[in-house]
């Protein structure tokens, strides 16, 4: 007999990741904008892969070849937060 294991609730982690991508450094900011909140799940999946470049590109959404430095920093922070949550 196989026992089903419930997937962990990732809603809080998605919200935190969306907030980091949105720029939580602004004083008093506690919630991501609607645009970033909608991308929370996709950003979580990129964080799970640990691919900094892909995550930074998803955050930056720029048309240029490389992501900007602030988005790379956000990607690094998101992956760190994801790894802490996975433990």
PDB file of N, CA and C in Angstrom:
ATOM      1  N   UNK A   1       0.836  -1.179   0.000  1.00  0.00           N
ATOM      2  CA  UNK A   1       0.000   0.000   0.000  1.00  0.00           C
ATOM      3  C   UNK A   1       0.885   1.248   0.000  1.00  0.00           C
ATOM      4  N   UNK A   2       0.532   2.206  -0.805  1.00  0.00           N
ATOM      5  CA  UNK A   2       1.298   3.445  -0.916  1.00  0.00           C
ATOM      6  C   UNK A   2       0.590   4.546  -0.139  1.00  0.00           C
ATOM      7  N   UNK A   3       1.358   5.310   0.591  1.00  0.00           N
ATOM      8  CA  UNK A   3       0.813   6.420   1.356  1.00  0.00           C
ATOM      9  C   UNK A   3       1.129   7.714   0.630  1.00  0.00           C
ATOM     10  N   UNK A   4       0.108   8.518   0.414  1.00  0.00           N
ATOM     11  CA  UNK A   4       0.307   9.808  -0.245  1.00  0.00           C
ATOM     12  C   UNK A   4       0.887  10.797   0.755  1.00  0.00           C
ATOM     13  N   UNK A   5       1.839  11.548   0.286  1.00  0.00           N
ATOM     14  CA  UNK A   5       2.454  12.583   1.114  1.00  0.00           C
ATOM     15  C   UNK A   5       1.993  13.926   0.581  1.00  0.00           C
ATOM     16  N   UNK A   6       1.487  14.752   1.466  1.00  0.00           N
ATOM     17  CA  UNK A   6       1.024  16.064   1.045  1.00  0.00           C
ATOM     18  C   UNK A   6       2.202  16.951   0.673  1.00  0.00           C
ATOM     19  N   UNK A   7       2.018  17.696  -0.404  1.00  0.00           N
ATOM     20  CA  UNK A   7       3.039  18.666  -0.794  1.00  0.00           C
ATOM     21  C   UNK A   7       3.018  19.807   0.215  1.00  0.00           C
ATOM     22  N   UNK A   8       4.175  20.335   0.547  1.00  0.00           N
ATOM     23  CA  UNK A   8       4.201  21.436   1.510  1.00  0.00           C
ATOM     24  C   UNK A   8       3.492  22.661   0.945  1.00  0.00           C
ATOM     25  N   UNK A   9       2.871  23.427   1.812  1.00  0.00           N
ATOM     26  CA  UNK A   9       2.205  24.655   1.393  1.00  0.00           C
ATOM     27  C   UNK A   9       3.277  25.681   1.062  1.00  0.00           C
ATOM     28  N   UNK A  10       3.285  26.115  -0.159  1.00  0.00           N
ATOM     29  CA  UNK A  10       4.324  27.047  -0.600  1.00  0.00           C
ATOM     30  C   UNK A  10       3.801  28.469  -0.766  1.00  0.00           C
ATOM     31  N   UNK A  11       2.563  28.715  -0.369  1.00  0.00           N
ATOM     32  CA  UNK A  11       1.970  30.039  -0.572  1.00  0.00           C
ATOM     33  C   UNK A  11       2.783  31.139   0.106  1.00  0.00           C
ATOM     34  N   UNK A  12       3.191  30.905   1.352  1.00  0.00           N
ATOM     35  CA  UNK A  12       3.975  31.925   2.063  1.00  0.00           C
ATOM     36  C   UNK A  12       5.318  32.156   1.389  1.00  0.00           C
ATOM     37  N   UNK A  13       5.946  31.076   0.940  1.00  0.00           N
ATOM     38  CA  UNK A  13       7.235  31.192   0.264  1.00  0.00           C
ATOM     39  C   UNK A  13       7.076  31.925  -1.067  1.00  0.00           C
ATOM     40  N   UNK A  14       6.014  31.630  -1.801  1.00  0.00           N
ATOM     41  CA  UNK A  14       5.739  32.331  -3.061  1.00  0.00           C
ATOM     42  C   UNK A  14       5.571  33.824  -2.815  1.00  0.00           C
ATOM     43  N   UNK A  15       4.834  34.183  -1.771  1.00  0.00           N
ATOM     44  CA  UNK A  15       4.615  35.594  -1.458  1.00  0.00           C
ATOM     45  C   UNK A  15       5.919  36.295  -1.099  1.00  0.00           C
ATOM     46  N   UNK A  16       6.759  35.624  -0.325  1.00  0.00           N
ATOM     47  CA  UNK A  16       8.043  36.208   0.057  1.00  0.00           C
ATOM     48  C   UNK A  16       8.936  36.387  -1.165  1.00  0.00           C
ATOM     49  N   UNK A  17       8.976  35.386  -2.026  1.00  0.00           N
ATOM     50  CA  UNK A  17       9.786  35.466  -3.247  1.00  0.00           C
ATOM     51  C   UNK A  17       9.280  36.595  -4.141  1.00  0.00           C
ATOM     52  N   UNK A  18       7.972  36.717  -4.271  1.00  0.00           N
ATOM     53  CA  UNK A  18       7.401  37.803  -5.078  1.00  0.00           C
ATOM     54  C   UNK A  18       7.757  39.162  -4.484  1.00  0.00           C
ATOM     55  N   UNK A  19       7.739  39.257  -3.164  1.00  0.00           N
ATOM     56  CA  UNK A  19       8.088  40.510  -2.492  1.00  0.00           C
ATOM     57  C   UNK A  19       9.549  40.868  -2.733  1.00  0.00           C
ATOM     58  N   UNK A  20      10.431  39.891  -2.666  1.00  0.00           N
ATOM     59  CA  UNK A  20      11.852  40.146  -2.937  1.00  0.00           C
ATOM     60  C   UNK A  20      12.026  40.625  -4.372  1.00  0.00           C
ATOM     61  N   UNK A  21      11.372  39.961  -5.317  1.00  0.00           N
ATOM     62  CA  UNK A  21      11.474  40.349  -6.725  1.00  0.00           C
ATOM     63  C   UNK A  21      10.914  41.746  -6.953  1.00  0.00           C
ATOM     64  N   UNK A  22       9.882  42.092  -6.201  1.00  0.00           N
ATOM     65  CA  UNK A  22       9.229  43.393  -6.346  1.00  0.00           C
ATOM     66  C   UNK A  22      10.092  44.521  -5.781  1.00  0.00           C
ATOM     67  N   UNK A  23      10.948  44.187  -4.849  1.00  0.00           N
ATOM     68  CA  UNK A  23      11.811  45.196  -4.247  1.00  0.00           C
ATOM     69  C   UNK A  23      11.372  45.541  -2.846  1.00  0.00           C
ATOM     70  N   UNK A  24      11.583  44.632  -1.926  1.00  0.00           N
ATOM     71  CA  UNK A  24      11.108  44.839  -0.559  1.00  0.00           C
ATOM     72  C   UNK A  24      11.973  45.794   0.238  1.00  0.00           C
ATOM     73  N   UNK A  25      12.960  46.399  -0.392  1.00  0.00           N
ATOM     74  CA  UNK A  25      13.856  47.305   0.322  1.00  0.00           C
ATOM     75  C   UNK A  25      13.204  48.647   0.621  1.00  0.00           C
ATOM     76  N   UNK A  26      12.086  48.938  -0.028  1.00  0.00           N
ATOM     77  CA  UNK A  26      11.404  50.201   0.236  1.00  0.00           C
ATOM     78  C   UNK A  26      10.781  50.174   1.631  1.00  0.00           C
ATOM     79  N   UNK A  27      10.930  51.242   2.390  1.00  0.00           N
ATOM     80  CA  UNK A  27      10.390  51.275   3.754  1.00  0.00           C
ATOM     81  C   UNK A  27       8.880  51.010   3.774  1.00  0.00           C
ATOM     82  N   UNK A  28       8.458  50.118   4.651  1.00  0.00           N
ATOM     83  CA  UNK A  28       7.044  49.837   4.822  1.00  0.00           C
ATOM     84  C   UNK A  28       6.431  48.888   3.811  1.00  0.00           C
ATOM     85  N   UNK A  29       7.202  48.460   2.841  1.00  0.00           N
ATOM     86  CA  UNK A  29       6.653  47.559   1.816  1.00  0.00           C
ATOM     87  C   UNK A  29       6.557  46.153   2.398  1.00  0.00           C
ATOM     88  N   UNK A  30       5.344  45.621   2.435  1.00  0.00           N
ATOM     89  CA  UNK A  30       5.123  44.294   3.010  1.00  0.00           C
ATOM     90  C   UNK A  30       4.453  43.341   2.039  1.00  0.00           C
ATOM     91  N   UNK A  31       4.104  43.834   0.851  1.00  0.00           N
ATOM     92  CA  UNK A  31       3.383  43.011  -0.109  1.00  0.00           C
ATOM     93  C   UNK A  31       3.867  43.344  -1.515  1.00  0.00           C
ATOM     94  N   UNK A  32       3.983  42.313  -2.350  1.00  0.00           N
ATOM     95  CA  UNK A  32       4.393  42.517  -3.736  1.00  0.00           C
ATOM     96  C   UNK A  32       3.257  43.161  -4.526  1.00  0.00           C
ATOM     97  N   UNK A  33       3.610  43.878  -5.569  1.00  0.00           N
ATOM     98  CA  UNK A  33       2.594  44.425  -6.463  1.00  0.00           C
ATOM     99  C   UNK A  33       1.884  43.256  -7.167  1.00  0.00           C
ATOM    100  N   UNK A  34       0.760  43.535  -7.789  1.00  0.00           N
ATOM    101  CA  UNK A  34      -0.016  42.472  -8.445  1.00  0.00           C
ATOM    102  C   UNK A  34       0.795  41.754  -9.513  1.00  0.00           C
ATOM    103  N   UNK A  35       1.567  42.497 -10.280  1.00  0.00           N
ATOM    104  CA  UNK A  35       2.370  41.905 -11.355  1.00  0.00           C
ATOM    105  C   UNK A  35       3.379  40.901 -10.793  1.00  0.00           C
ATOM    106  N   UNK A  36       4.087  41.291  -9.760  1.00  0.00           N
ATOM    107  CA  UNK A  36       5.081  40.393  -9.154  1.00  0.00           C
ATOM    108  C   UNK A  36       4.409  39.243  -8.417  1.00  0.00           C
ATOM    109  N   UNK A  37       3.276  39.511  -7.779  1.00  0.00           N
ATOM    110  CA  UNK A  37       2.559  38.454  -7.060  1.00  0.00           C
ATOM    111  C   UNK A  37       2.110  37.358  -8.020  1.00  0.00           C
ATOM    112  N   UNK A  38       1.693  37.738  -9.210  1.00  0.00           N
ATOM    113  CA  UNK A  38       1.254  36.754 -10.205  1.00  0.00           C
ATOM    114  C   UNK A  38       2.410  35.876 -10.683  1.00  0.00           C
ATOM    115  N   UNK A  39       3.617  36.397 -10.612  1.00  0.00           N
ATOM    116  CA  UNK A  39       4.788  35.633 -11.060  1.00  0.00           C
ATOM    117  C   UNK A  39       5.430  34.824  -9.937  1.00  0.00           C
ATOM    118  N   UNK A  40       4.874  34.882  -8.743  1.00  0.00           N
ATOM    119  CA  UNK A  40       5.457  34.203  -7.590  1.00  0.00           C
ATOM    120  C   UNK A  40       5.702  32.723  -7.808  1.00  0.00           C
ATOM    121  N   UNK A  41       4.734  32.026  -8.392  1.00  0.00           N
ATOM    122  CA  UNK A  41       4.865  30.579  -8.611  1.00  0.00           C
ATOM    123  C   UNK A  41       5.996  30.280  -9.589  1.00  0.00           C
ATOM    124  N   UNK A  42       6.059  31.031 -10.681  1.00  0.00           N
ATOM    125  CA  UNK A  42       7.115  30.810 -11.677  1.00  0.00           C
ATOM    126  C   UNK A  42       8.486  31.108 -11.080  1.00  0.00           C
ATOM    127  N   UNK A  43       8.579  32.167 -10.305  1.00  0.00           N
ATOM    128  CA  UNK A  43       9.854  32.510  -9.668  1.00  0.00           C
ATOM    129  C   UNK A  43      10.265  31.434  -8.672  1.00  0.00           C
ATOM    130  N   UNK A  44       9.287  30.872  -7.969  1.00  0.00           N
ATOM    131  CA  UNK A  44       9.564  29.772  -7.042  1.00  0.00           C
ATOM    132  C   UNK A  44      10.138  28.572  -7.787  1.00  0.00           C
ATOM    133  N   UNK A  45       9.584  28.274  -8.948  1.00  0.00           N
ATOM    134  CA  UNK A  45      10.072  27.141  -9.736  1.00  0.00           C
ATOM    135  C   UNK A  45      11.496  27.380 -10.233  1.00  0.00           C
ATOM    136  N   UNK A  46      11.808  28.609 -10.651  1.00  0.00           N
ATOM    137  CA  UNK A  46      13.183  28.933 -11.046  1.00  0.00           C
ATOM    138  C   UNK A  46      14.120  28.808  -9.849  1.00  0.00           C
ATOM    139  N   UNK A  47      13.669  29.263  -8.681  1.00  0.00           N
ATOM    140  CA  UNK A  47      14.494  29.164  -7.470  1.00  0.00           C
ATOM    141  C   UNK A  47      14.776  27.706  -7.130  1.00  0.00           C
ATOM    142  N   UNK A  48      13.791  26.847  -7.341  1.00  0.00           N
ATOM    143  CA  UNK A  48      13.970  25.420  -7.058  1.00  0.00           C
ATOM    144  C   UNK A  48      15.050  24.814  -7.943  1.00  0.00           C
ATOM    145  N   UNK A  49      15.185  25.337  -9.154  1.00  0.00           N
ATOM    146  CA  UNK A  49      16.220  24.852 -10.068  1.00  0.00           C
ATOM    147  C   UNK A  49      17.597  25.387  -9.694  1.00  0.00           C
ATOM    148  N   UNK A  50      17.640  26.516  -8.999  1.00  0.00           N
ATOM    149  CA  UNK A  50      18.907  27.103  -8.590  1.00  0.00           C
ATOM    150  C   UNK A  50      19.654  27.804  -9.709  1.00  0.00           C
ATOM    151  N   UNK A  51      18.951  28.141 -10.770  1.00  0.00           N
ATOM    152  CA  UNK A  51      19.597  28.801 -11.906  1.00  0.00           C
ATOM    153  C   UNK A  51      19.508  30.318 -11.737  1.00  0.00           C
ATOM    154  N   UNK A  52      20.596  30.901 -11.328  1.00  0.00           N
ATOM    155  CA  UNK A  52      20.630  32.336 -11.048  1.00  0.00           C
ATOM    156  C   UNK A  52      20.310  33.154 -12.292  1.00  0.00           C
ATOM    157  N   UNK A  53      20.924  32.812 -13.421  1.00  0.00           N
ATOM    158  CA  UNK A  53      20.716  33.594 -14.644  1.00  0.00           C
ATOM    159  C   UNK A  53      19.260  33.568 -15.098  1.00  0.00           C
ATOM    160  N   UNK A  54      18.637  32.388 -15.081  1.00  0.00           N
ATOM    161  CA  UNK A  54      17.241  32.276 -15.516  1.00  0.00           C
ATOM    162  C   UNK A  54      16.312  33.018 -14.561  1.00  0.00           C
ATOM    163  N   UNK A  55      16.566  32.896 -13.278  1.00  0.00           N
ATOM    164  CA  UNK A  55      15.745  33.592 -12.289  1.00  0.00           C
ATOM    165  C   UNK A  55      15.914  35.098 -12.420  1.00  0.00           C
ATOM    166  N   UNK A  56      17.140  35.563 -12.579  1.00  0.00           N
ATOM    167  CA  UNK A  56      17.389  36.999 -12.744  1.00  0.00           C
ATOM    168  C   UNK A  56      16.707  37.527 -14.000  1.00  0.00           C
ATOM    169  N   UNK A  57      16.733  36.755 -15.080  1.00  0.00           N
ATOM    170  CA  UNK A  57      16.071  37.169 -16.321  1.00  0.00           C
ATOM    171  C   UNK A  57      14.559  37.244 -16.126  1.00  0.00           C
ATOM    172  N   UNK A  58      13.997  36.306 -15.376  1.00  0.00           N
ATOM    173  CA  UNK A  58      12.558  36.323 -15.114  1.00  0.00           C
ATOM    174  C   UNK A  58      12.164  37.525 -14.255  1.00  0.00           C
ATOM    175  N   UNK A  59      13.041  37.911 -13.347  1.00  0.00           N
ATOM    176  CA  UNK A  59      12.775  39.079 -12.510  1.00  0.00           C
ATOM    177  C   UNK A  59      12.918  40.347 -13.334  1.00  0.00           C
ATOM    178  N   UNK A  60      14.001  40.437 -14.090  1.00  0.00           N
ATOM    179  CA  UNK A  60      14.354  41.646 -14.831  1.00  0.00           C
ATOM    180  C   UNK A  60      13.398  41.915 -15.994  1.00  0.00           C
ATOM    181  N   UNK A  61      13.077  40.878 -16.722  1.00  0.00           N
ATOM    182  CA  UNK A  61      12.207  40.972 -17.888  1.00  0.00           C
ATOM    183  C   UNK A  61      12.682  42.027 -18.887  1.00  0.00           C
ATOM    184  N   UNK A  62      13.982  42.207 -18.969  1.00  0.00           N
ATOM    185  CA  UNK A  62      14.504  43.186 -19.918  1.00  0.00           C
ATOM    186  C   UNK A  62      14.762  42.516 -21.256  1.00  0.00           C
ATOM    187  N   UNK A  63      14.850  43.303 -22.268  1.00  0.00           N
ATOM    188  CA  UNK A  63      15.080  42.805 -23.617  1.00  0.00           C
ATOM    189  C   UNK A  63      16.573  42.662 -23.917  1.00  0.00           C
ATOM    190  N   UNK A  64      17.404  43.110 -23.010  1.00  0.00           N
ATOM    191  CA  UNK A  64      18.845  43.055 -23.244  1.00  0.00           C
ATOM    192  C   UNK A  64      19.378  41.664 -22.946  1.00  0.00           C
ATOM    193  N   UNK A  65      20.590  41.428 -23.334  1.00  0.00           N
ATOM    194  CA  UNK A  65      21.195  40.099 -23.227  1.00  0.00           C
ATOM    195  C   UNK A  65      21.390  39.644 -21.780  1.00  0.00           C
ATOM    196  N   UNK A  66      21.799  40.540 -20.911  1.00  0.00           N
ATOM    197  CA  UNK A  66      22.057  40.177 -19.511  1.00  0.00           C
ATOM    198  C   UNK A  66      21.107  40.933 -18.580  1.00  0.00           C
ATOM    199  N   UNK A  67      20.834  40.304 -17.466  1.00  0.00           N
ATOM    200  CA  UNK A  67      19.997  40.946 -16.448  1.00  0.00           C
ATOM    201  C   UNK A  67      20.810  42.016 -15.737  1.00  0.00           C
ATOM    202  N   UNK A  68      20.118  43.006 -15.203  1.00  0.00           N
ATOM    203  CA  UNK A  68      20.811  44.070 -14.478  1.00  0.00           C
ATOM    204  C   UNK A  68      21.314  43.537 -13.129  1.00  0.00           C
ATOM    205  N   UNK A  69      22.274  44.231 -12.562  1.00  0.00           N
ATOM    206  CA  UNK A  69      22.890  43.804 -11.298  1.00  0.00           C
ATOM    207  C   UNK A  69      21.882  43.701 -10.147  1.00  0.00           C
ATOM    208  N   UNK A  70      20.955  44.659  -9.995  1.00  0.00           N
ATOM    209  CA  UNK A  70      19.983  44.517  -8.904  1.00  0.00           C
ATOM    210  C   UNK A  70      19.119  43.256  -9.025  1.00  0.00           C
ATOM    211  N   UNK A  71      18.773  42.866 -10.243  1.00  0.00           N
ATOM    212  CA  UNK A  71      17.960  41.657 -10.425  1.00  0.00           C
ATOM    213  C   UNK A  71      18.777  40.394 -10.157  1.00  0.00           C
ATOM    214  N   UNK A  72      20.056  40.427 -10.460  1.00  0.00           N
ATOM    215  CA  UNK A  72      20.925  39.294 -10.122  1.00  0.00           C
ATOM    216  C   UNK A  72      21.024  39.171  -8.599  1.00  0.00           C
ATOM    217  N   UNK A  73      21.142  40.309  -7.904  1.00  0.00           N
ATOM    218  CA  UNK A  73      21.187  40.288  -6.438  1.00  0.00           C
ATOM    219  C   UNK A  73      19.884  39.740  -5.858  1.00  0.00           C
ATOM    220  N   UNK A  74      18.753  40.143  -6.442  1.00  0.00           N
ATOM    221  CA  UNK A  74      17.459  39.622  -5.990  1.00  0.00           C
ATOM    222  C   UNK A  74      17.387  38.114  -6.213  1.00  0.00           C
ATOM    223  N   UNK A  75      17.890  37.647  -7.352  1.00  0.00           N
ATOM    224  CA  UNK A  75      17.887  36.209  -7.657  1.00  0.00           C
ATOM    225  C   UNK A  75      18.707  35.444  -6.625  1.00  0.00           C
ATOM    226  N   UNK A  76      19.862  35.969  -6.276  1.00  0.00           N
ATOM    227  CA  UNK A  76      20.700  35.320  -5.260  1.00  0.00           C
ATOM    228  C   UNK A  76      19.987  35.259  -3.910  1.00  0.00           C
ATOM    229  N   UNK A  77      19.323  36.352  -3.546  1.00  0.00           N
ATOM    230  CA  UNK A  77      18.587  36.380  -2.277  1.00  0.00           C
ATOM    231  C   UNK A  77      17.422  35.388  -2.303  1.00  0.00           C
ATOM    232  N   UNK A  78      16.712  35.325  -3.423  1.00  0.00           N
ATOM    233  CA  UNK A  78      15.576  34.405  -3.548  1.00  0.00           C
ATOM    234  C   UNK A  78      16.039  32.959  -3.429  1.00  0.00           C
ATOM    235  N   UNK A  79      17.125  32.615  -4.088  1.00  0.00           N
ATOM    236  CA  UNK A  79      17.634  31.243  -4.012  1.00  0.00           C
ATOM    237  C   UNK A  79      18.065  30.917  -2.587  1.00  0.00           C
ATOM    238  N   UNK A  80      18.671  31.876  -1.913  1.00  0.00           N
ATOM    239  CA  UNK A  80      19.065  31.676  -0.516  1.00  0.00           C
ATOM    240  C   UNK A  80      17.837  31.441   0.363  1.00  0.00           C
ATOM    241  N   UNK A  81      16.811  32.253   0.185  1.00  0.00           N
ATOM    242  CA  UNK A  81      15.567  32.108   0.950  1.00  0.00           C
ATOM    243  C   UNK A  81      14.911  30.769   0.636  1.00  0.00           C
ATOM    244  N   UNK A  82      14.913  30.394  -0.630  1.00  0.00           N
ATOM    245  CA  UNK A  82      14.326  29.111  -1.028  1.00  0.00           C
ATOM    246  C   UNK A  82      15.066  27.952  -0.354  1.00  0.00           C
ATOM    247  N   UNK A  83      16.388  28.010  -0.393  1.00  0.00           N
ATOM    248  CA  UNK A  83      17.183  26.932   0.203  1.00  0.00           C
ATOM    249  C   UNK A  83      16.970  26.837   1.715  1.00  0.00           C
ATOM    250  N   UNK A  84      16.819  27.974   2.375  1.00  0.00           N
ATOM    251  CA  UNK A  84      16.542  27.973   3.817  1.00  0.00           C
ATOM    252  C   UNK A  84      15.185  27.344   4.095  1.00  0.00           C
ATOM    253  N   UNK A  85      14.204  27.641   3.244  1.00  0.00           N
ATOM    254  CA  UNK A  85      12.859  27.095   3.421  1.00  0.00           C
ATOM    255  C   UNK A  85      12.774  25.618   3.122  1.00  0.00           C
ATOM    256  N   UNK A  86      13.671  25.120   2.287  1.00  0.00           N
ATOM    257  CA  UNK A  86      13.650  23.706   1.901  1.00  0.00           C
ATOM    258  C   UNK A  86      14.248  22.812   2.981  1.00  0.00           C
ATOM    259  N   UNK A  87      14.955  23.404   3.923  1.00  0.00           N
ATOM    260  CA  UNK A  87      15.613  22.593   4.961  1.00  0.00           C
ATOM    261  C   UNK A  87      14.677  22.219   6.068  1.00  0.00           C
TER     262      UNK A  87
END
